[in-house]
Protein backbone atom coordinates (compact mmCIF):
# COMPACT_ATOMS: atom_id res chain seq x y z
CA MET A 1 5.14 -0.76 28.14
CA LYS A 2 7.26 -2.91 25.83
CA GLU A 3 4.37 -3.15 23.38
CA PHE A 4 4.02 0.63 23.38
CA ILE A 5 7.71 1.02 22.55
CA LEU A 6 7.32 -1.41 19.64
CA ILE A 7 4.28 0.52 18.39
CA ILE A 8 6.35 3.73 18.37
CA LEU A 9 9.18 1.93 16.58
CA ALA A 10 6.71 0.59 13.99
CA TYR A 11 5.44 4.13 13.42
CA LEU A 12 9.01 5.34 12.86
CA ILE A 13 9.62 2.54 10.38
CA GLY A 14 6.46 3.51 8.54
CA SER A 15 7.58 7.14 8.54
CA THR A 16 10.59 6.33 6.36
CA PRO A 17 9.81 8.47 3.26
CA THR A 18 10.73 5.97 0.55
CA ALA A 19 9.43 8.05 -2.38
CA LEU A 20 11.07 11.20 -1.06
CA ILE A 21 14.41 9.44 -0.60
CA VAL A 22 14.28 8.03 -4.15
CA SER A 23 13.18 11.31 -5.77
CA LYS A 24 15.84 13.36 -3.99
CA SER A 25 18.63 10.81 -4.40
CA PHE A 26 18.17 10.21 -8.13
CA PHE A 27 16.42 13.34 -9.41
CA ASN A 28 17.13 15.97 -6.74
CA ILE A 29 13.41 16.80 -6.50
CA ASP A 30 10.67 16.50 -3.90
CA ILE A 31 8.14 14.06 -5.36
CA ARG A 32 5.39 15.96 -3.50
CA ASP A 33 5.93 18.97 -5.77
CA TYR A 34 4.89 16.98 -8.85
CA GLY A 35 1.93 15.03 -10.12
CA SER A 36 -0.73 14.54 -7.46
CA GLY A 37 1.60 15.81 -4.73
CA ASN A 38 1.36 12.44 -3.03
CA MET A 39 4.38 10.68 -1.55
CA GLY A 40 3.52 7.17 -2.63
CA ALA A 41 4.13 4.54 -5.27
CA THR A 42 1.28 5.69 -7.54
CA ASN A 43 2.61 9.21 -7.92
CA THR A 44 6.17 7.89 -8.26
CA PHE A 45 5.06 5.62 -11.12
CA ARG A 46 3.42 8.58 -12.78
CA VAL A 47 6.25 11.10 -12.28
CA LEU A 48 9.45 9.02 -12.25
CA GLY A 49 8.41 5.99 -14.28
CA PRO A 50 7.85 2.27 -13.62
CA LYS A 51 11.43 1.50 -12.56
CA PHE A 52 11.48 3.91 -9.64
CA GLY A 53 7.77 3.41 -8.96
CA THR A 54 8.44 -0.29 -8.45
CA VAL A 55 11.34 0.47 -6.11
CA VAL A 56 9.12 2.74 -4.01
CA MET A 57 6.28 0.22 -3.97
CA ILE A 58 8.57 -2.56 -2.75
CA GLY A 59 10.14 -0.24 -0.18
CA ASP A 60 6.74 0.81 1.15
CA MET A 61 5.61 -2.81 1.39
CA LEU A 62 8.77 -3.72 3.29
CA LYS A 63 7.91 -1.08 5.88
CA GLY A 64 4.72 -2.96 6.70
CA ILE A 65 6.51 -6.31 6.77
CA LEU A 66 9.32 -5.08 9.03
CA ALA A 67 6.92 -3.34 11.40
CA VAL A 68 4.82 -6.48 11.85
CA ALA A 69 7.96 -8.57 12.39
CA LEU A 70 8.77 -6.55 15.53
CA TYR A 71 6.56 -8.90 17.55
CA ASN A 72 9.48 -11.35 17.46
CA LEU A 73 11.28 -9.13 19.97
CA LEU A 74 8.80 -10.16 22.69
CA PRO A 75 9.04 -13.91 23.47
CA TYR A 76 5.54 -14.06 24.98
CA TYR A 77 3.91 -13.49 21.58
CA LEU A 78 5.81 -16.31 19.92
CA THR A 79 3.55 -18.88 21.60
CA ASN A 80 0.26 -16.99 21.94
CA GLU A 81 -1.43 -16.88 18.54
CA LEU A 82 -4.43 -14.65 19.32
CA ASP A 83 -2.40 -12.03 21.20
CA ARG A 84 0.27 -12.23 18.51
CA THR A 85 -2.23 -11.51 15.74
CA ASN A 86 -3.61 -8.52 17.62
CA LEU A 87 -0.12 -7.13 18.25
CA MET A 88 0.84 -7.67 14.60
CA LEU A 89 -2.24 -5.74 13.50
CA GLY A 90 -1.36 -2.93 15.91
CA LEU A 91 2.23 -2.79 14.68
CA GLY A 92 1.15 -2.82 11.04
CA LEU A 93 -1.39 -0.07 11.56
CA ALA A 94 1.24 2.05 13.31
CA ALA A 95 3.46 1.67 10.24
CA VAL A 96 0.59 2.67 7.95
CA ILE A 97 -0.11 5.76 10.05
CA GLY A 98 3.61 6.53 9.88
CA HIS A 99 3.50 6.30 6.09
CA ILE A 100 0.48 8.61 5.85
CA TYR A 101 1.80 11.05 8.48
CA PRO A 102 5.61 10.62 8.45
CA ILE A 103 7.47 12.45 11.19
CA TRP A 104 10.57 12.48 8.96
CA ALA A 105 8.76 14.33 6.14
CA ASP A 106 6.65 17.05 7.80
CA PHE A 107 3.72 14.63 8.21
CA ARG A 108 3.02 14.76 4.46
CA GLY A 109 3.08 11.18 3.26
CA GLY A 110 1.26 8.80 0.96
CA LYS A 111 -1.99 6.88 1.14
CA GLY A 112 -0.52 3.78 2.77
CA VAL A 113 -1.76 1.15 0.31
CA ALA A 114 1.60 -0.56 -0.31
CA THR A 115 2.43 -0.51 3.40
CA LEU A 116 -0.98 -2.01 4.15
CA PHE A 117 -0.36 -4.85 1.72
CA GLY A 118 3.08 -5.43 3.21
CA MET A 119 1.43 -5.66 6.60
CA VAL A 120 -1.20 -8.16 5.37
CA LEU A 121 1.52 -10.14 3.60
CA ALA A 122 3.32 -10.57 6.93
CA ILE A 123 0.14 -11.58 8.78
CA GLN A 124 -1.77 -13.61 6.18
CA PRO A 125 0.40 -14.28 3.11
CA ILE A 126 -2.27 -16.19 1.15
CA ILE A 127 -4.84 -13.41 1.50
CA ALA A 128 -2.21 -10.81 0.61
CA ILE A 129 -1.23 -12.75 -2.51
CA ASN A 130 -4.88 -12.81 -3.59
CA CYS A 131 -5.11 -9.04 -3.14
CA VAL A 132 -1.85 -8.47 -5.01
CA GLY A 133 -3.20 -10.70 -7.78
CA VAL A 134 -6.27 -8.46 -8.08
CA PHE A 135 -3.99 -5.41 -8.13
CA LEU A 136 -1.78 -6.80 -10.92
CA ILE A 137 -4.68 -7.98 -13.08
CA VAL A 138 -6.46 -4.62 -12.88
CA LEU A 139 -3.18 -2.78 -13.48
CA TYR A 140 -2.48 -4.92 -16.56
CA LEU A 141 -5.96 -4.31 -17.95
CA THR A 142 -6.25 -0.59 -17.17
CA ARG A 143 -2.82 0.88 -16.22
CA TYR A 144 -4.60 2.76 -13.41
CA VAL A 145 -2.66 2.24 -10.16
CA SER A 146 -5.39 4.01 -8.21
CA LEU A 147 -8.15 1.71 -9.51
CA SER A 148 -5.90 -1.30 -8.93
CA SER A 149 -5.31 -0.21 -5.33
CA ILE A 150 -9.00 0.41 -4.67
CA LEU A 151 -10.13 -2.96 -6.01
CA ALA A 152 -7.31 -4.79 -4.24
CA GLY A 153 -8.35 -3.06 -1.02
CA VAL A 154 -11.98 -4.10 -1.53
CA ALA A 155 -10.78 -7.66 -2.18
CA LEU A 156 -9.28 -7.79 1.33
CA PRO A 157 -12.56 -7.98 3.32
CA ILE A 158 -14.04 -10.26 0.66
CA CYS A 159 -11.18 -12.70 1.27
CA VAL A 160 -11.21 -12.31 5.05
CA LEU A 161 -14.97 -12.45 5.62
CA TRP A 162 -16.17 -14.87 2.94
CA ILE A 163 -13.52 -16.72 0.95
CA TYR A 164 -11.29 -17.72 3.89
CA ASN A 165 -13.83 -16.95 6.64
CA GLU A 166 -11.30 -15.73 9.21
CA GLN A 167 -12.79 -15.96 12.71
CA GLU A 168 -10.67 -13.38 14.55
CA VAL A 169 -13.05 -10.45 15.15
CA PHE A 170 -10.32 -7.80 15.26
CA TYR A 171 -8.97 -9.02 11.93
CA ARG A 172 -12.44 -8.94 10.32
CA VAL A 173 -13.04 -5.39 11.54
CA PHE A 174 -9.57 -4.42 10.37
CA ALA A 175 -10.22 -5.77 6.85
CA VAL A 176 -13.45 -3.78 6.48
CA ALA A 177 -11.80 -0.65 7.91
CA VAL A 178 -8.89 -0.96 5.48
CA ALA A 179 -11.21 -1.19 2.48
CA ALA A 180 -13.12 1.87 3.70
CA LEU A 181 -9.87 3.77 4.33
CA ILE A 182 -8.53 3.02 0.86
CA VAL A 183 -11.76 4.17 -0.78
CA LEU A 184 -11.83 7.34 1.33
CA THR A 185 -8.21 8.24 0.64
CA HIS A 186 -8.78 7.76 -3.09
CA GLN A 187 -11.79 10.08 -3.42
CA LYS A 188 -9.96 12.44 -5.77
CA ASN A 189 -8.77 9.49 -7.86
CA ILE A 190 -12.30 8.11 -8.04
CA SER A 191 -13.56 11.50 -9.20
CA ARG A 192 -10.87 11.65 -11.90
CA LEU A 193 -11.65 8.07 -12.97
CA ILE A 194 -15.32 8.94 -13.40
CA LYS A 195 -14.42 12.05 -15.40
CA GLY A 196 -11.82 10.17 -17.44
CA ASN A 197 -8.99 12.40 -16.24
CA GLU A 198 -7.02 9.90 -14.17
CA GLY A 199 -3.45 9.43 -15.37
CA ARG A 200 -2.25 6.01 -16.43
CA VAL A 201 1.15 4.74 -15.38
CA PRO A 202 3.76 4.47 -18.18
CA ILE A 203 3.78 0.70 -18.48
CA LEU A 204 2.54 -1.67 -21.18
CA LYS A 205 2.70 1.09 -23.77
CA HIS A 206 3.77 -1.39 -26.46
CA ARG A 207 0.55 -3.33 -25.89
CA ASP A 208 -1.51 -0.17 -26.25
CA ARG A 209 0.32 0.84 -29.43
CA ARG A 210 -0.34 -2.61 -30.93
CA LYS A 211 -4.05 -2.28 -30.16
CA SER A 212 -4.13 1.19 -31.68
CA HIS A 213 -2.35 -0.06 -34.79
CA ARG A 214 -4.82 -2.95 -35.21
CA LYS A 215 -7.75 -0.48 -34.94
CA GLU A 216 -6.23 1.69 -37.65
CA ILE A 217 -5.84 -1.32 -39.93
């Protein structure tokens, strides 16, 4: 019963509409009415710029971290590693579902990538750092947040199953499911990437201008 209450609380934490709060507080708009219509960091980067996109990304990651940390409220899980990991996964997933289907925002949320990474960061920091590294490298090279998110998501099961060879079955299944979920929720982005219509985030423009200038010379 106590676990169920924590799961509900984790869902409510995940439901906090970070992008909507930022867009309404600073621009008096609903971020879902612009760009891709998605309430997540990617669309915020695209519509409001890197400063507010970064704020939303960090906020969404914190939702996953805070949700997972709820296990500390139940003393039993402090000394039982396997049960603790399973509860942490359940709490994190509840937060991700809350982000995708937020009760505070008419169940119209984002894709849950940042919240997922916040969740993994709280459970397995080293693996999360590897995934974030993939995200940042791809973002630096391409300026596509969607492609960065997809490849970082795919990196998760690679790290869990092969590089670090995690033995917990639930965690292995979770890693594969997350990668599949991220790919599925980015179908439109993948289509736009293939067609060359995907929007780039407004960062590293100086680098691109320098490259363009060198080509002209």
